[in-house]
Amino acid sequence: MRVPLFTLLAVLALAAPAGAADRWVRAGTTLTKGDYYQGITSDGAGHLYFDGVAVGGYRTDLKLREQLRNVDLIPDGEPFNHIGDWTYDRNAGGRLILPLECYTPGRPTAATHAGSGPSASPTRAP
């Protein structure tokens, strides 16, 4: 009886309590446009940026009122066909960073890889 009790006490003593980041609380739900499907980022200045299912980009205010829309952010001639989860870089006056990829549903990533190109370069803003 001592070994199982000791084991239980050791496990409980070593178990880390959940931190604040581990506890999600739903604050509300807001329906948005289907265009705002892929990812979201914020510039910290009252704008939300959504990227669509594949190539579109959209900017709203914090109340989700659309301010800008571009249904195809990938320039013609690029080998990429999909924008991944983007982020906002606050350095150098701020810019959106668009991770570009070739994506074919049902195929492994390596099979759809197009390599790198000018749009993937950090020196060229999309």
C-alpha atoms as a PDB file:
ATOM      1  CA  MET A   1       0.000   0.000   0.000  1.00  0.00           C
ATOM      2  CA  ARG A   2       2.919   2.349   0.656  1.00  0.00           C
ATOM      3  CA  VAL A   3       4.350   2.151  -2.887  1.00  0.00           C
ATOM      4  CA  PRO A   4       1.112   3.135  -4.702  1.00  0.00           C
ATOM      5  CA  LEU A   5       0.423   5.913  -2.182  1.00  0.00           C
ATOM      6  CA  PHE A   6       4.004   7.206  -2.488  1.00  0.00           C
ATOM      7  CA  THR A   7       3.729   7.101  -6.296  1.00  0.00           C
ATOM      8  CA  LEU A   8       0.442   8.997  -6.220  1.00  0.00           C
ATOM      9  CA  LEU A   9       1.877  11.664  -3.891  1.00  0.00           C
ATOM     10  CA  ALA A  10       5.011  12.019  -6.049  1.00  0.00           C
ATOM     11  CA  VAL A  11       2.950  12.466  -9.207  1.00  0.00           C
ATOM     12  CA  LEU A  12       0.734  15.059  -7.524  1.00  0.00           C
ATOM     13  CA  ALA A  13       3.733  16.932  -6.158  1.00  0.00           C
ATOM     14  CA  LEU A  14       5.436  17.051  -9.559  1.00  0.00           C
ATOM     15  CA  ALA A  15       2.323  18.037 -11.512  1.00  0.00           C
ATOM     16  CA  ALA A  16       2.632  21.688 -12.484  1.00  0.00           C
ATOM     17  CA  PRO A  17      -0.427  23.834 -11.918  1.00  0.00           C
ATOM     18  CA  ALA A  18      -1.985  25.288 -15.061  1.00  0.00           C
ATOM     19  CA  GLY A  19      -0.758  28.786 -15.829  1.00  0.00           C
ATOM     20  CA  ALA A  20      -3.001  31.643 -16.895  1.00  0.00           C
ATOM     21  CA  ALA A  21      -2.165  31.011 -20.560  1.00  0.00           C
ATOM     22  CA  ASP A  22      -3.480  27.459 -20.216  1.00  0.00           C
ATOM     23  CA  ARG A  23      -6.947  28.619 -19.202  1.00  0.00           C
ATOM     24  CA  TRP A  24      -9.004  29.916 -22.111  1.00  0.00           C
ATOM     25  CA  VAL A  25     -12.233  31.713 -21.369  1.00  0.00           C
ATOM     26  CA  ARG A  26     -14.717  32.416 -24.141  1.00  0.00           C
ATOM     27  CA  ALA A  27     -15.432  36.127 -24.073  1.00  0.00           C
ATOM     28  CA  GLY A  28     -17.846  36.127 -26.965  1.00  0.00           C
ATOM     29  CA  THR A  29     -18.528  34.971 -30.492  1.00  0.00           C
ATOM     30  CA  THR A  30     -18.774  37.076 -33.622  1.00  0.00           C
ATOM     31  CA  LEU A  31     -19.687  35.730 -37.032  1.00  0.00           C
ATOM     32  CA  THR A  32     -17.463  36.989 -39.840  1.00  0.00           C
ATOM     33  CA  LYS A  33     -17.337  36.686 -43.598  1.00  0.00           C
ATOM     34  CA  GLY A  34     -16.304  33.373 -45.101  1.00  0.00           C
ATOM     35  CA  ASP A  35     -13.491  35.270 -46.841  1.00  0.00           C
ATOM     36  CA  TYR A  36     -11.790  35.687 -43.454  1.00  0.00           C
ATOM     37  CA  TYR A  37     -11.025  31.985 -43.254  1.00  0.00           C
ATOM     38  CA  GLN A  38      -7.287  31.265 -43.107  1.00  0.00           C
ATOM     39  CA  GLY A  39      -5.643  33.422 -40.465  1.00  0.00           C
ATOM     40  CA  ILE A  40      -5.701  36.662 -38.508  1.00  0.00           C
ATOM     41  CA  THR A  41      -3.191  39.157 -37.162  1.00  0.00           C
ATOM     42  CA  SER A  42      -3.327  42.664 -35.703  1.00  0.00           C
ATOM     43  CA  ASP A  43      -1.136  45.730 -36.052  1.00  0.00           C
ATOM     44  CA  GLY A  44      -1.857  46.823 -32.469  1.00  0.00           C
ATOM     45  CA  ALA A  45      -3.281  50.109 -33.806  1.00  0.00           C
ATOM     46  CA  GLY A  46      -6.904  49.076 -34.189  1.00  0.00           C
ATOM     47  CA  HIS A  47      -6.742  46.989 -37.368  1.00  0.00           C
ATOM     48  CA  LEU A  48      -7.297  43.290 -37.863  1.00  0.00           C
ATOM     49  CA  TYR A  49      -5.896  41.562 -40.951  1.00  0.00           C
ATOM     50  CA  PHE A  50      -7.484  38.382 -42.266  1.00  0.00           C
ATOM     51  CA  ASP A  51      -6.257  36.172 -45.050  1.00  0.00           C
ATOM     52  CA  GLY A  52      -8.720  34.174 -47.036  1.00  0.00           C
ATOM     53  CA  VAL A  53      -8.971  30.572 -48.077  1.00  0.00           C
ATOM     54  CA  ALA A  54      -6.039  30.867 -50.500  1.00  0.00           C
ATOM     55  CA  VAL A  55      -4.853  34.263 -51.760  1.00  0.00           C
ATOM     56  CA  GLY A  56      -7.045  37.131 -50.507  1.00  0.00           C
ATOM     57  CA  GLY A  57      -6.314  39.699 -47.813  1.00  0.00           C
ATOM     58  CA  TYR A  58      -8.687  41.905 -45.861  1.00  0.00           C
ATOM     59  CA  ARG A  59      -8.337  44.673 -43.245  1.00  0.00           C
ATOM     60  CA  THR A  60     -11.051  45.535 -40.737  1.00  0.00           C
ATOM     61  CA  ASP A  61     -11.333  47.702 -37.672  1.00  0.00           C
ATOM     62  CA  LEU A  62     -11.805  46.097 -34.266  1.00  0.00           C
ATOM     63  CA  LYS A  63     -15.584  45.986 -34.812  1.00  0.00           C
ATOM     64  CA  LEU A  64     -14.959  43.900 -37.973  1.00  0.00           C
ATOM     65  CA  ARG A  65     -16.016  46.676 -40.348  1.00  0.00           C
ATOM     66  CA  GLU A  66     -14.099  45.995 -43.565  1.00  0.00           C
ATOM     67  CA  GLN A  67     -11.740  48.801 -44.620  1.00  0.00           C
ATOM     68  CA  LEU A  68      -9.608  47.237 -47.368  1.00  0.00           C
ATOM     69  CA  ARG A  69      -9.980  44.187 -49.593  1.00  0.00           C
ATOM     70  CA  ASN A  70      -7.643  42.524 -52.093  1.00  0.00           C
ATOM     71  CA  VAL A  71      -8.933  39.202 -53.372  1.00  0.00           C
ATOM     72  CA  ASP A  72      -5.552  38.163 -54.831  1.00  0.00           C
ATOM     73  CA  LEU A  73      -2.389  39.320 -53.051  1.00  0.00           C
ATOM     74  CA  ILE A  74      -0.066  37.002 -54.986  1.00  0.00           C
ATOM     75  CA  PRO A  75       1.256  38.732 -58.140  1.00  0.00           C
ATOM     76  CA  ASP A  76       0.892  37.023 -61.519  1.00  0.00           C
ATOM     77  CA  GLY A  77       3.899  34.921 -62.455  1.00  0.00           C
ATOM     78  CA  GLU A  78       4.678  33.795 -58.919  1.00  0.00           C
ATOM     79  CA  PRO A  79       4.915  30.025 -58.390  1.00  0.00           C
ATOM     80  CA  PHE A  80       2.867  30.244 -55.168  1.00  0.00           C
ATOM     81  CA  ASN A  81      -0.866  29.722 -54.821  1.00  0.00           C
ATOM     82  CA  HIS A  82      -1.526  30.017 -51.081  1.00  0.00           C
ATOM     83  CA  ILE A  83      -0.928  32.454 -48.240  1.00  0.00           C
ATOM     84  CA  GLY A  84      -0.303  30.787 -44.899  1.00  0.00           C
ATOM     85  CA  ASP A  85      -0.878  32.317 -41.467  1.00  0.00           C
ATOM     86  CA  TRP A  86       0.530  35.813 -41.736  1.00  0.00           C
ATOM     87  CA  THR A  87       1.864  38.116 -39.066  1.00  0.00           C
ATOM     88  CA  TYR A  88       2.440  41.826 -38.562  1.00  0.00           C
ATOM     89  CA  ASP A  89       5.995  43.111 -38.092  1.00  0.00           C
ATOM     90  CA  ARG A  90       5.974  46.376 -36.134  1.00  0.00           C
ATOM     91  CA  ASN A  91       9.594  47.166 -37.083  1.00  0.00           C
ATOM     92  CA  ALA A  92      10.493  49.671 -39.824  1.00  0.00           C
ATOM     93  CA  GLY A  93       7.112  51.376 -39.799  1.00  0.00           C
ATOM     94  CA  GLY A  94       5.146  48.124 -39.857  1.00  0.00           C
ATOM     95  CA  ARG A  95       4.480  45.554 -42.536  1.00  0.00           C
ATOM     96  CA  LEU A  96       2.508  42.394 -43.108  1.00  0.00           C
ATOM     97  CA  ILE A  97       4.582  39.273 -43.596  1.00  0.00           C
ATOM     98  CA  LEU A  98       2.914  36.779 -45.906  1.00  0.00           C
ATOM     99  CA  PRO A  99       4.252  33.217 -45.818  1.00  0.00           C
ATOM    100  CA  LEU A 100       3.710  31.937 -49.354  1.00  0.00           C
ATOM    101  CA  GLU A 101       3.495  28.316 -50.396  1.00  0.00           C
ATOM    102  CA  CYS A 102       2.290  25.979 -53.076  1.00  0.00           C
ATOM    103  CA  TYR A 103      -0.609  23.995 -51.748  1.00  0.00           C
ATOM    104  CA  THR A 104      -2.483  21.139 -53.326  1.00  0.00           C
ATOM    105  CA  PRO A 105      -5.098  19.529 -51.062  1.00  0.00           C
ATOM    106  CA  GLY A 106      -4.368  15.860 -50.367  1.00  0.00           C
ATOM    107  CA  ARG A 107      -0.720  16.008 -51.423  1.00  0.00           C
ATOM    108  CA  PRO A 108       2.230  16.024 -49.020  1.00  0.00           C
ATOM    109  CA  THR A 109       3.985  19.375 -48.589  1.00  0.00           C
ATOM    110  CA  ALA A 110       7.177  18.176 -50.279  1.00  0.00           C
ATOM    111  CA  ALA A 111       5.206  17.195 -53.375  1.00  0.00           C
ATOM    112  CA  THR A 112       3.740  20.680 -53.732  1.00  0.00           C
ATOM    113  CA  HIS A 113       6.889  22.685 -52.934  1.00  0.00           C
ATOM    114  CA  ALA A 114       7.653  25.387 -55.510  1.00  0.00           C
ATOM    115  CA  GLY A 115      10.928  26.538 -53.991  1.00  0.00           C
ATOM    116  CA  SER A 116      11.581  30.126 -53.013  1.00  0.00           C
ATOM    117  CA  GLY A 117      10.963  33.206 -55.045  1.00  0.00           C
ATOM    118  CA  PRO A 118      10.973  36.978 -54.879  1.00  0.00           C
ATOM    119  CA  SER A 119       7.736  37.173 -52.876  1.00  0.00           C
ATOM    120  CA  ALA A 120       9.323  35.067 -50.139  1.00  0.00           C
ATOM    121  CA  SER A 121      12.213  37.508 -49.811  1.00  0.00           C
ATOM    122  CA  PRO A 122      12.184  39.639 -46.666  1.00  0.00           C
ATOM    123  CA  THR A 123      13.444  42.600 -48.734  1.00  0.00           C
ATOM    124  CA  ARG A 124      10.343  42.743 -50.928  1.00  0.00           C
ATOM    125  CA  ALA A 125       7.050  43.691 -49.365  1.00  0.00           C
ATOM    126  CA  PRO A 126       4.020  41.942 -50.846  1.00  0.00           C
END
